[in-house]
Amino acid sequence: MLDVSVPCAGCGAPNRFGELRCDGCGARVGRDARDALHARLEASSDDYRDLMTQVNAGRAVLLVASLAYLAFVGVSLPAFLASGDVEPGAHQLLVMGFVVDVSIGSTFLVLWAAARRHPAMALLLAAALWLAAQLMIVVVSLLAGAYLLIFTGLWLKVVVAILMARGIVAGIRARQIVAGLKRASAKPAPAS
C-alpha cells in the first residue's frame, strides 16, 4: 500500500489522509495540505493519475456543455425576440425554452465547480440533468413531428454520455483509493 504524506507546515511531521490534526504539533490539517496530499497521490500512483484524467475529461465535457447552453441563449435569444416572423404566442414558448437552457447551463457550471471536490456526485447529477434534457428534446421532437431532430448530433451525445459515465466511475474508484489510505493511516485505539 502507498504511504502518502506531506510535511506539516508548522513542525514538519508527516500528515496523511484522514488526519484532522498534526500528530507532531496538533495543528489543524488545512485545505492546502489536503490538496497537496491529493497531488502527491496523483504523482505517485499511476492508477490514481489515470482515474483523475478520466474525472477531468468528465469535468471538461461538463464545462463545454455549460458554455454551449449559455452561448446558444446569448446568441439566439436576441435574434428570436427581434424577429417579427415569430407568432405572438410563440414568443412565450421561446422565452421559456431559453430560461430552461440558461438554467441547465448555469447548473452545469455549478456542478463543474463542485466536481473538483466531489467528482462522482457532481458528474452523476450532471448526467441525470443532461439525460433529462435529451429526453425532453426527444419528446418535443416527437410532438412537433420533427423526427430527424432526435438524431441531430447523436454521435456527440454518445461521446458526452461515455465521458460522463467514465468520469463518474473514475470518481468513485478514486474515492475508494483515498478511503483505503485513510483506513491505513488510522491509528488503532489505545488498549485499555
N, C-alpha and C. Protein backbone atom coordinates (compact mmCIF):
# COMPACT_ATOMS: atom_id res chain seq x y z
N MET A 1 0.85 -1.18 0.00
CA MET A 1 0.00 0.00 0.00
C MET A 1 0.89 1.24 0.00
N LEU A 2 0.45 2.25 -0.68
CA LEU A 2 1.19 3.51 -0.74
C LEU A 2 1.21 4.19 0.62
N ASP A 3 2.30 4.85 0.90
CA ASP A 3 2.38 5.70 2.09
C ASP A 3 2.52 7.12 1.59
N VAL A 4 1.41 7.84 1.58
CA VAL A 4 1.39 9.20 1.05
C VAL A 4 1.25 10.16 2.22
N SER A 5 2.18 11.10 2.30
CA SER A 5 2.13 12.10 3.36
C SER A 5 2.74 13.39 2.85
N VAL A 6 2.41 14.47 3.54
CA VAL A 6 3.04 15.78 3.30
C VAL A 6 3.49 16.31 4.64
N PRO A 7 4.58 17.06 4.66
CA PRO A 7 5.06 17.59 5.94
C PRO A 7 4.17 18.71 6.46
N CYS A 8 4.00 18.72 7.78
CA CYS A 8 3.25 19.78 8.45
C CYS A 8 3.98 21.10 8.25
N ALA A 9 3.24 22.14 7.97
CA ALA A 9 3.85 23.46 7.78
C ALA A 9 4.48 23.97 9.08
N GLY A 10 3.95 23.55 10.21
CA GLY A 10 4.45 24.04 11.50
C GLY A 10 5.65 23.28 12.02
N CYS A 11 5.57 21.94 12.00
CA CYS A 11 6.63 21.17 12.65
C CYS A 11 7.35 20.19 11.73
N GLY A 12 6.83 19.98 10.53
CA GLY A 12 7.47 19.07 9.59
C GLY A 12 7.07 17.61 9.75
N ALA A 13 6.23 17.28 10.73
CA ALA A 13 5.78 15.90 10.92
C ALA A 13 4.91 15.49 9.73
N PRO A 14 4.91 14.21 9.37
CA PRO A 14 4.10 13.79 8.22
C PRO A 14 2.60 13.81 8.53
N ASN A 15 1.83 14.41 7.61
CA ASN A 15 0.36 14.39 7.68
C ASN A 15 -0.14 13.49 6.56
N ARG A 16 -1.11 12.62 6.90
CA ARG A 16 -1.63 11.65 5.94
C ARG A 16 -3.13 11.87 5.73
N PHE A 17 -3.67 11.13 4.76
CA PHE A 17 -5.11 11.19 4.51
C PHE A 17 -5.89 10.80 5.76
N GLY A 18 -6.96 11.53 6.03
CA GLY A 18 -7.82 11.21 7.15
C GLY A 18 -7.44 11.87 8.45
N GLU A 19 -6.26 12.44 8.53
CA GLU A 19 -5.84 13.10 9.77
C GLU A 19 -6.38 14.52 9.79
N LEU A 20 -7.03 14.87 10.88
CA LEU A 20 -7.57 16.22 11.03
C LEU A 20 -6.58 17.14 11.71
N ARG A 21 -5.71 16.57 12.53
CA ARG A 21 -4.70 17.34 13.27
C ARG A 21 -3.35 16.68 13.10
N CYS A 22 -2.32 17.50 13.13
CA CYS A 22 -0.95 17.00 13.03
C CYS A 22 -0.59 16.24 14.30
N ASP A 23 0.04 15.08 14.13
CA ASP A 23 0.48 14.30 15.28
C ASP A 23 1.61 15.01 16.04
N GLY A 24 2.42 15.78 15.33
CA GLY A 24 3.57 16.44 15.96
C GLY A 24 3.21 17.65 16.80
N CYS A 25 2.45 18.57 16.21
CA CYS A 25 2.19 19.83 16.92
C CYS A 25 0.71 20.06 17.22
N GLY A 26 -0.17 19.22 16.68
CA GLY A 26 -1.60 19.37 16.95
C GLY A 26 -2.29 20.40 16.08
N ALA A 27 -1.56 20.98 15.12
CA ALA A 27 -2.18 21.98 14.24
C ALA A 27 -3.20 21.32 13.33
N ARG A 28 -4.22 22.07 12.97
CA ARG A 28 -5.27 21.56 12.08
C ARG A 28 -4.68 21.35 10.68
N VAL A 29 -5.02 20.21 10.08
CA VAL A 29 -4.59 19.93 8.71
C VAL A 29 -5.55 20.67 7.79
N GLY A 30 -5.06 21.68 7.10
CA GLY A 30 -5.92 22.56 6.30
C GLY A 30 -6.14 22.08 4.88
N ARG A 31 -6.90 22.87 4.14
CA ARG A 31 -7.24 22.55 2.76
C ARG A 31 -5.99 22.45 1.89
N ASP A 32 -5.01 23.32 2.11
CA ASP A 32 -3.79 23.28 1.31
C ASP A 32 -3.06 21.95 1.49
N ALA A 33 -3.00 21.47 2.73
CA ALA A 33 -2.33 20.18 2.98
C ALA A 33 -3.11 19.04 2.34
N ARG A 34 -4.43 19.08 2.39
CA ARG A 34 -5.23 18.02 1.76
C ARG A 34 -5.06 18.05 0.24
N ASP A 35 -5.02 19.26 -0.34
CA ASP A 35 -4.78 19.36 -1.78
C ASP A 35 -3.39 18.83 -2.13
N ALA A 36 -2.42 19.11 -1.29
CA ALA A 36 -1.06 18.61 -1.51
C ALA A 36 -1.02 17.08 -1.42
N LEU A 37 -1.81 16.51 -0.52
CA LEU A 37 -1.88 15.04 -0.41
C LEU A 37 -2.43 14.44 -1.70
N HIS A 38 -3.47 15.04 -2.24
CA HIS A 38 -4.03 14.54 -3.50
C HIS A 38 -3.02 14.68 -4.63
N ALA A 39 -2.31 15.80 -4.67
CA ALA A 39 -1.30 16.00 -5.71
C ALA A 39 -0.17 14.97 -5.57
N ARG A 40 0.24 14.71 -4.35
CA ARG A 40 1.29 13.72 -4.12
C ARG A 40 0.81 12.32 -4.50
N LEU A 41 -0.44 12.00 -4.17
CA LEU A 41 -1.00 10.70 -4.55
C LEU A 41 -1.06 10.56 -6.06
N GLU A 42 -1.47 11.62 -6.73
CA GLU A 42 -1.54 11.59 -8.19
C GLU A 42 -0.16 11.42 -8.80
N ALA A 43 0.86 12.02 -8.18
CA ALA A 43 2.22 11.90 -8.69
C ALA A 43 2.82 10.51 -8.43
N SER A 44 2.36 9.84 -7.38
CA SER A 44 2.99 8.57 -7.01
C SER A 44 2.19 7.33 -7.43
N SER A 45 0.98 7.49 -7.91
CA SER A 45 0.15 6.35 -8.28
C SER A 45 -0.36 6.48 -9.71
N ASP A 46 0.05 5.56 -10.57
CA ASP A 46 -0.43 5.57 -11.96
C ASP A 46 -1.94 5.37 -12.02
N ASP A 47 -2.46 4.48 -11.18
CA ASP A 47 -3.91 4.21 -11.18
C ASP A 47 -4.69 5.48 -10.83
N TYR A 48 -4.28 6.15 -9.76
CA TYR A 48 -4.99 7.36 -9.32
C TYR A 48 -4.86 8.45 -10.39
N ARG A 49 -3.69 8.57 -10.99
CA ARG A 49 -3.49 9.58 -12.04
C ARG A 49 -4.41 9.30 -13.22
N ASP A 50 -4.54 8.03 -13.63
CA ASP A 50 -5.44 7.69 -14.73
C ASP A 50 -6.89 8.00 -14.38
N LEU A 51 -7.27 7.69 -13.14
CA LEU A 51 -8.63 7.99 -12.70
C LEU A 51 -8.90 9.50 -12.73
N MET A 52 -7.93 10.28 -12.27
CA MET A 52 -8.12 11.73 -12.25
C MET A 52 -8.17 12.30 -13.67
N THR A 53 -7.46 11.66 -14.61
CA THR A 53 -7.54 12.07 -16.01
C THR A 53 -8.96 11.87 -16.54
N GLN A 54 -9.57 10.73 -16.19
CA GLN A 54 -10.94 10.46 -16.61
C GLN A 54 -11.93 11.43 -15.94
N VAL A 55 -11.70 11.72 -14.66
CA VAL A 55 -12.55 12.69 -13.96
C VAL A 55 -12.44 14.05 -14.63
N ASN A 56 -11.22 14.46 -14.96
CA ASN A 56 -11.02 15.76 -15.59
C ASN A 56 -11.64 15.82 -16.99
N ALA A 57 -11.65 14.69 -17.70
CA ALA A 57 -12.33 14.65 -19.01
C ALA A 57 -13.83 14.85 -18.82
N GLY A 58 -14.40 14.21 -17.80
CA GLY A 58 -15.82 14.40 -17.50
C GLY A 58 -16.12 15.84 -17.11
N ARG A 59 -15.23 16.44 -16.33
CA ARG A 59 -15.42 17.84 -15.94
C ARG A 59 -15.32 18.76 -17.16
N ALA A 60 -14.40 18.45 -18.07
CA ALA A 60 -14.24 19.28 -19.27
C ALA A 60 -15.50 19.23 -20.14
N VAL A 61 -16.07 18.04 -20.29
CA VAL A 61 -17.32 17.90 -21.05
C VAL A 61 -18.41 18.74 -20.40
N LEU A 62 -18.45 18.71 -19.09
CA LEU A 62 -19.45 19.47 -18.35
C LEU A 62 -19.28 20.97 -18.57
N LEU A 63 -18.05 21.44 -18.56
CA LEU A 63 -17.79 22.86 -18.81
C LEU A 63 -18.18 23.24 -20.23
N VAL A 64 -17.82 22.41 -21.20
CA VAL A 64 -18.16 22.71 -22.60
C VAL A 64 -19.67 22.72 -22.79
N ALA A 65 -20.36 21.76 -22.18
CA ALA A 65 -21.83 21.72 -22.29
C ALA A 65 -22.45 22.97 -21.67
N SER A 66 -21.92 23.38 -20.52
CA SER A 66 -22.44 24.57 -19.86
C SER A 66 -22.26 25.80 -20.75
N LEU A 67 -21.06 25.96 -21.27
CA LEU A 67 -20.80 27.12 -22.13
C LEU A 67 -21.61 27.06 -23.42
N ALA A 68 -21.85 25.86 -23.94
CA ALA A 68 -22.66 25.73 -25.16
C ALA A 68 -24.10 26.17 -24.91
N TYR A 69 -24.67 25.71 -23.79
CA TYR A 69 -26.04 26.13 -23.45
C TYR A 69 -26.11 27.65 -23.30
N LEU A 70 -25.18 28.21 -22.55
CA LEU A 70 -25.22 29.66 -22.29
C LEU A 70 -24.92 30.46 -23.55
N ALA A 71 -24.00 29.98 -24.39
CA ALA A 71 -23.69 30.69 -25.63
C ALA A 71 -24.87 30.64 -26.59
N PHE A 72 -25.55 29.50 -26.65
CA PHE A 72 -26.72 29.38 -27.52
C PHE A 72 -27.77 30.42 -27.14
N VAL A 73 -28.02 30.56 -25.86
CA VAL A 73 -29.01 31.53 -25.40
C VAL A 73 -28.53 32.94 -25.71
N GLY A 74 -27.26 33.22 -25.42
CA GLY A 74 -26.74 34.56 -25.64
C GLY A 74 -26.77 35.00 -27.10
N VAL A 75 -26.59 34.05 -28.00
CA VAL A 75 -26.56 34.37 -29.43
C VAL A 75 -27.96 34.38 -30.03
N SER A 76 -28.79 33.41 -29.67
CA SER A 76 -30.06 33.26 -30.37
C SER A 76 -31.24 34.00 -29.75
N LEU A 77 -31.21 34.26 -28.45
CA LEU A 77 -32.35 34.93 -27.83
C LEU A 77 -32.61 36.31 -28.42
N PRO A 78 -31.60 37.18 -28.54
CA PRO A 78 -31.89 38.50 -29.12
C PRO A 78 -32.43 38.40 -30.55
N ALA A 79 -31.92 37.43 -31.32
CA ALA A 79 -32.39 37.30 -32.71
C ALA A 79 -33.85 36.86 -32.75
N PHE A 80 -34.23 35.92 -31.89
CA PHE A 80 -35.62 35.46 -31.85
C PHE A 80 -36.56 36.57 -31.38
N LEU A 81 -36.15 37.29 -30.35
CA LEU A 81 -37.01 38.34 -29.83
C LEU A 81 -37.16 39.51 -30.80
N ALA A 82 -36.13 39.76 -31.59
CA ALA A 82 -36.17 40.88 -32.53
C ALA A 82 -36.91 40.53 -33.82
N SER A 83 -37.01 39.24 -34.13
CA SER A 83 -37.63 38.88 -35.40
C SER A 83 -39.15 39.06 -35.31
N GLY A 84 -39.71 39.54 -36.37
CA GLY A 84 -41.15 39.74 -36.42
C GLY A 84 -41.87 38.54 -36.99
N ASP A 85 -41.11 37.52 -37.40
CA ASP A 85 -41.70 36.34 -38.03
C ASP A 85 -42.31 35.36 -37.04
N VAL A 86 -42.03 35.54 -35.77
CA VAL A 86 -42.50 34.60 -34.77
C VAL A 86 -43.93 34.95 -34.38
N GLU A 87 -44.78 33.92 -34.30
CA GLU A 87 -46.17 34.15 -33.92
C GLU A 87 -46.23 34.72 -32.50
N PRO A 88 -47.24 35.54 -32.17
CA PRO A 88 -47.31 36.17 -30.85
C PRO A 88 -47.24 35.19 -29.68
N GLY A 89 -47.93 34.08 -29.72
CA GLY A 89 -47.90 33.12 -28.62
C GLY A 89 -46.59 32.35 -28.53
N ALA A 90 -45.89 32.29 -29.65
CA ALA A 90 -44.64 31.53 -29.69
C ALA A 90 -43.52 32.24 -28.93
N HIS A 91 -43.63 33.56 -28.79
CA HIS A 91 -42.61 34.29 -28.03
C HIS A 91 -42.49 33.74 -26.61
N GLN A 92 -43.63 33.50 -25.99
CA GLN A 92 -43.61 32.99 -24.62
C GLN A 92 -42.96 31.62 -24.55
N LEU A 93 -43.26 30.74 -25.51
CA LEU A 93 -42.64 29.42 -25.54
C LEU A 93 -41.14 29.51 -25.76
N LEU A 94 -40.73 30.42 -26.64
CA LEU A 94 -39.30 30.59 -26.89
C LEU A 94 -38.58 31.09 -25.64
N VAL A 95 -39.18 32.06 -24.98
CA VAL A 95 -38.57 32.60 -23.76
C VAL A 95 -38.48 31.51 -22.69
N MET A 96 -39.53 30.69 -22.57
CA MET A 96 -39.49 29.60 -21.61
C MET A 96 -38.36 28.61 -21.96
N GLY A 97 -38.21 28.31 -23.23
CA GLY A 97 -37.13 27.43 -23.67
C GLY A 97 -35.77 28.01 -23.33
N PHE A 98 -35.64 29.30 -23.52
CA PHE A 98 -34.36 29.93 -23.21
C PHE A 98 -34.10 29.95 -21.70
N VAL A 99 -35.14 30.14 -20.91
CA VAL A 99 -34.98 30.09 -19.45
C VAL A 99 -34.52 28.70 -19.03
N VAL A 100 -35.08 27.67 -19.65
CA VAL A 100 -34.65 26.30 -19.35
C VAL A 100 -33.18 26.12 -19.73
N ASP A 101 -32.79 26.62 -20.91
CA ASP A 101 -31.39 26.50 -21.34
C ASP A 101 -30.44 27.23 -20.40
N VAL A 102 -30.82 28.42 -19.96
CA VAL A 102 -29.98 29.17 -19.02
C VAL A 102 -29.88 28.41 -17.70
N SER A 103 -30.98 27.84 -17.25
CA SER A 103 -30.96 27.07 -16.00
C SER A 103 -30.05 25.86 -16.12
N ILE A 104 -30.16 25.13 -17.23
CA ILE A 104 -29.31 23.96 -17.42
C ILE A 104 -27.85 24.37 -17.52
N GLY A 105 -27.56 25.40 -18.30
CA GLY A 105 -26.17 25.86 -18.44
C GLY A 105 -25.58 26.32 -17.12
N SER A 106 -26.35 27.06 -16.35
CA SER A 106 -25.88 27.54 -15.05
C SER A 106 -25.68 26.39 -14.07
N THR A 107 -26.61 25.43 -14.08
CA THR A 107 -26.48 24.27 -13.20
C THR A 107 -25.24 23.46 -13.57
N PHE A 108 -25.01 23.28 -14.87
CA PHE A 108 -23.81 22.57 -15.30
C PHE A 108 -22.55 23.28 -14.83
N LEU A 109 -22.56 24.60 -14.87
CA LEU A 109 -21.40 25.37 -14.42
C LEU A 109 -21.15 25.17 -12.93
N VAL A 110 -22.21 25.19 -12.14
CA VAL A 110 -22.09 24.95 -10.70
C VAL A 110 -21.59 23.53 -10.43
N LEU A 111 -22.13 22.55 -11.16
CA LEU A 111 -21.70 21.17 -10.98
C LEU A 111 -20.27 20.95 -11.44
N TRP A 112 -19.84 21.68 -12.46
CA TRP A 112 -18.44 21.61 -12.90
C TRP A 112 -17.53 22.04 -11.76
N ALA A 113 -17.88 23.13 -11.09
CA ALA A 113 -17.07 23.59 -9.95
C ALA A 113 -17.13 22.58 -8.81
N ALA A 114 -18.31 22.03 -8.54
CA ALA A 114 -18.45 21.06 -7.45
C ALA A 114 -17.71 19.76 -7.74
N ALA A 115 -17.54 19.43 -9.01
CA ALA A 115 -16.87 18.18 -9.39
C ALA A 115 -15.38 18.20 -9.04
N ARG A 116 -14.85 19.33 -8.71
CA ARG A 116 -13.45 19.38 -8.28
C ARG A 116 -13.28 18.67 -6.94
N ARG A 117 -14.21 18.84 -6.04
CA ARG A 117 -14.14 18.23 -4.71
C ARG A 117 -14.91 16.92 -4.62
N HIS A 118 -16.03 16.85 -5.32
CA HIS A 118 -16.90 15.66 -5.26
C HIS A 118 -17.24 15.22 -6.68
N PRO A 119 -16.26 14.66 -7.39
CA PRO A 119 -16.47 14.39 -8.82
C PRO A 119 -17.59 13.40 -9.11
N ALA A 120 -17.66 12.30 -8.39
CA ALA A 120 -18.66 11.28 -8.71
C ALA A 120 -20.07 11.84 -8.56
N MET A 121 -20.34 12.50 -7.44
CA MET A 121 -21.69 13.01 -7.18
C MET A 121 -22.06 14.12 -8.17
N ALA A 122 -21.14 15.06 -8.39
CA ALA A 122 -21.44 16.17 -9.29
C ALA A 122 -21.66 15.68 -10.72
N LEU A 123 -20.80 14.76 -11.18
CA LEU A 123 -20.96 14.24 -12.53
C LEU A 123 -22.22 13.38 -12.66
N LEU A 124 -22.59 12.68 -11.61
CA LEU A 124 -23.82 11.89 -11.63
C LEU A 124 -25.04 12.81 -11.74
N LEU A 125 -25.06 13.88 -10.97
CA LEU A 125 -26.17 14.84 -11.05
C LEU A 125 -26.22 15.50 -12.43
N ALA A 126 -25.05 15.84 -12.96
CA ALA A 126 -25.00 16.46 -14.29
C ALA A 126 -25.48 15.48 -15.36
N ALA A 127 -25.08 14.21 -15.24
CA ALA A 127 -25.52 13.21 -16.22
C ALA A 127 -27.03 13.03 -16.16
N ALA A 128 -27.60 13.03 -14.97
CA ALA A 128 -29.05 12.90 -14.84
C ALA A 128 -29.77 14.10 -15.47
N LEU A 129 -29.25 15.30 -15.23
CA LEU A 129 -29.84 16.51 -15.82
C LEU A 129 -29.70 16.48 -17.34
N TRP A 130 -28.53 16.07 -17.81
CA TRP A 130 -28.28 16.01 -19.25
C TRP A 130 -29.21 15.00 -19.90
N LEU A 131 -29.37 13.83 -19.27
CA LEU A 131 -30.27 12.81 -19.80
C LEU A 131 -31.71 13.33 -19.84
N ALA A 132 -32.13 14.02 -18.79
CA ALA A 132 -33.48 14.59 -18.77
C ALA A 132 -33.66 15.60 -19.91
N ALA A 133 -32.63 16.41 -20.15
CA ALA A 133 -32.71 17.39 -21.24
C ALA A 133 -32.80 16.68 -22.59
N GLN A 134 -32.05 15.59 -22.75
CA GLN A 134 -32.11 14.85 -24.02
C GLN A 134 -33.48 14.21 -24.21
N LEU A 135 -34.05 13.67 -23.14
CA LEU A 135 -35.40 13.09 -23.23
C LEU A 135 -36.44 14.16 -23.56
N MET A 136 -36.24 15.36 -23.00
CA MET A 136 -37.16 16.46 -23.29
C MET A 136 -37.08 16.82 -24.78
N ILE A 137 -35.88 16.80 -25.34
CA ILE A 137 -35.71 17.09 -26.78
C ILE A 137 -36.43 16.03 -27.62
N VAL A 138 -36.32 14.76 -27.21
CA VAL A 138 -36.99 13.68 -27.94
C VAL A 138 -38.51 13.87 -27.90
N VAL A 139 -39.03 14.17 -26.72
CA VAL A 139 -40.49 14.34 -26.58
C VAL A 139 -40.97 15.52 -27.42
N VAL A 140 -40.27 16.65 -27.32
CA VAL A 140 -40.67 17.83 -28.10
C VAL A 140 -40.57 17.54 -29.59
N SER A 141 -39.53 16.82 -30.01
CA SER A 141 -39.36 16.49 -31.43
C SER A 141 -40.50 15.60 -31.92
N LEU A 142 -40.88 14.63 -31.09
CA LEU A 142 -41.98 13.75 -31.48
C LEU A 142 -43.30 14.50 -31.56
N LEU A 143 -43.54 15.40 -30.59
CA LEU A 143 -44.78 16.17 -30.59
C LEU A 143 -44.84 17.14 -31.77
N ALA A 144 -43.67 17.68 -32.15
CA ALA A 144 -43.63 18.64 -33.25
C ALA A 144 -43.54 17.96 -34.61
N GLY A 145 -43.33 16.64 -34.61
CA GLY A 145 -43.21 15.93 -35.88
C GLY A 145 -41.85 16.10 -36.53
N ALA A 146 -40.87 16.61 -35.79
CA ALA A 146 -39.51 16.80 -36.33
C ALA A 146 -38.65 15.61 -35.91
N TYR A 147 -38.92 14.47 -36.53
CA TYR A 147 -38.29 13.23 -36.10
C TYR A 147 -36.77 13.22 -36.32
N LEU A 148 -36.31 13.92 -37.33
CA LEU A 148 -34.87 13.95 -37.60
C LEU A 148 -34.11 14.70 -36.51
N LEU A 149 -34.79 15.60 -35.81
CA LEU A 149 -34.14 16.35 -34.74
C LEU A 149 -33.64 15.43 -33.64
N ILE A 150 -34.28 14.28 -33.47
CA ILE A 150 -33.86 13.32 -32.45
C ILE A 150 -32.44 12.83 -32.72
N PHE A 151 -32.10 12.68 -34.01
CA PHE A 151 -30.80 12.12 -34.37
C PHE A 151 -29.73 13.17 -34.61
N THR A 152 -30.09 14.43 -34.48
CA THR A 152 -29.12 15.51 -34.67
C THR A 152 -28.04 15.44 -33.60
N GLY A 153 -26.81 15.39 -34.02
CA GLY A 153 -25.69 15.36 -33.08
C GLY A 153 -25.62 14.10 -32.24
N LEU A 154 -26.16 13.00 -32.75
CA LEU A 154 -26.22 11.76 -31.99
C LEU A 154 -24.82 11.28 -31.58
N TRP A 155 -23.87 11.38 -32.49
CA TRP A 155 -22.50 10.93 -32.16
C TRP A 155 -21.94 11.76 -31.02
N LEU A 156 -22.22 13.06 -31.01
CA LEU A 156 -21.73 13.92 -29.94
C LEU A 156 -22.40 13.57 -28.61
N LYS A 157 -23.67 13.26 -28.66
CA LYS A 157 -24.40 12.87 -27.45
C LYS A 157 -23.83 11.58 -26.86
N VAL A 158 -23.46 10.64 -27.74
CA VAL A 158 -22.88 9.38 -27.27
C VAL A 158 -21.52 9.64 -26.63
N VAL A 159 -20.72 10.50 -27.24
CA VAL A 159 -19.39 10.82 -26.67
C VAL A 159 -19.55 11.47 -25.30
N VAL A 160 -20.48 12.42 -25.18
CA VAL A 160 -20.72 13.09 -23.90
C VAL A 160 -21.14 12.07 -22.85
N ALA A 161 -22.04 11.17 -23.21
CA ALA A 161 -22.51 10.15 -22.27
C ALA A 161 -21.37 9.25 -21.81
N ILE A 162 -20.52 8.85 -22.74
CA ILE A 162 -19.39 7.97 -22.39
C ILE A 162 -18.42 8.69 -21.46
N LEU A 163 -18.07 9.92 -21.78
CA LEU A 163 -17.11 10.66 -20.95
C LEU A 163 -17.67 10.94 -19.56
N MET A 164 -18.95 11.26 -19.48
CA MET A 164 -19.54 11.49 -18.16
C MET A 164 -19.58 10.19 -17.35
N ALA A 165 -19.97 9.09 -18.00
CA ALA A 165 -20.02 7.80 -17.29
C ALA A 165 -18.62 7.39 -16.81
N ARG A 166 -17.62 7.56 -17.64
CA ARG A 166 -16.25 7.23 -17.23
C ARG A 166 -15.81 8.12 -16.07
N GLY A 167 -16.19 9.39 -16.11
CA GLY A 167 -15.84 10.30 -15.01
C GLY A 167 -16.50 9.90 -13.71
N ILE A 168 -17.75 9.45 -13.79
CA ILE A 168 -18.46 9.02 -12.58
C ILE A 168 -17.78 7.80 -11.98
N VAL A 169 -17.51 6.80 -12.81
CA VAL A 169 -16.85 5.58 -12.32
C VAL A 169 -15.46 5.89 -11.78
N ALA A 170 -14.72 6.73 -12.48
CA ALA A 170 -13.38 7.09 -12.02
C ALA A 170 -13.44 7.85 -10.70
N GLY A 171 -14.43 8.73 -10.54
CA GLY A 171 -14.58 9.46 -9.29
C GLY A 171 -14.85 8.53 -8.12
N ILE A 172 -15.68 7.51 -8.36
CA ILE A 172 -15.97 6.53 -7.31
C ILE A 172 -14.73 5.74 -6.96
N ARG A 173 -13.99 5.29 -7.98
CA ARG A 173 -12.78 4.49 -7.72
C ARG A 173 -11.70 5.32 -7.04
N ALA A 174 -11.56 6.59 -7.42
CA ALA A 174 -10.57 7.46 -6.77
C ALA A 174 -10.92 7.67 -5.31
N ARG A 175 -12.20 7.82 -5.04
CA ARG A 175 -12.65 7.99 -3.65
C ARG A 175 -12.34 6.73 -2.83
N GLN A 176 -12.49 5.56 -3.45
CA GLN A 176 -12.17 4.31 -2.77
C GLN A 176 -10.68 4.21 -2.45
N ILE A 177 -9.84 4.69 -3.35
CA ILE A 177 -8.39 4.68 -3.09
C ILE A 177 -8.07 5.57 -1.89
N VAL A 178 -8.64 6.77 -1.88
CA VAL A 178 -8.39 7.69 -0.76
C VAL A 178 -8.94 7.11 0.53
N ALA A 179 -10.12 6.48 0.49
CA ALA A 179 -10.70 5.87 1.69
C ALA A 179 -9.78 4.76 2.21
N GLY A 180 -9.19 3.98 1.31
CA GLY A 180 -8.24 2.95 1.74
C GLY A 180 -7.02 3.54 2.41
N LEU A 181 -6.53 4.66 1.89
CA LEU A 181 -5.39 5.33 2.51
C LEU A 181 -5.76 5.89 3.88
N LYS A 182 -6.99 6.39 4.01
CA LYS A 182 -7.45 6.90 5.31
C LYS A 182 -7.51 5.77 6.33
N ARG A 183 -8.05 4.62 5.90
CA ARG A 183 -8.11 3.48 6.82
C ARG A 183 -6.72 3.00 7.21
N ALA A 184 -5.80 3.00 6.26
CA ALA A 184 -4.44 2.52 6.54
C ALA A 184 -3.71 3.45 7.50
N SER A 185 -4.02 4.74 7.43
CA SER A 185 -3.32 5.68 8.31
C SER A 185 -4.04 5.88 9.64
N ALA A 186 -5.22 5.29 9.78
CA ALA A 186 -5.97 5.44 11.05
C ALA A 186 -5.19 4.77 12.18
N LYS A 187 -5.14 5.46 13.27
CA LYS A 187 -4.39 4.95 14.43
C LYS A 187 -5.28 4.00 15.23
N PRO A 188 -4.74 2.87 15.65
CA PRO A 188 -5.56 1.98 16.48
C PRO A 188 -5.84 2.61 17.83
N ALA A 189 -7.01 2.29 18.37
CA ALA A 189 -7.40 2.84 19.68
C ALA A 189 -6.47 2.27 20.74
N PRO A 190 -6.08 3.09 21.74
CA PRO A 190 -5.20 2.61 22.78
C PRO A 190 -5.86 1.48 23.56
N ALA A 191 -5.04 0.47 23.90
CA ALA A 191 -5.55 -0.69 24.66
C ALA A 191 -5.87 -0.26 26.08
N SER A 192 -6.97 -0.79 26.63
CA SER A 192 -7.37 -0.41 27.97
C SER A 192 -6.85 -1.42 28.97
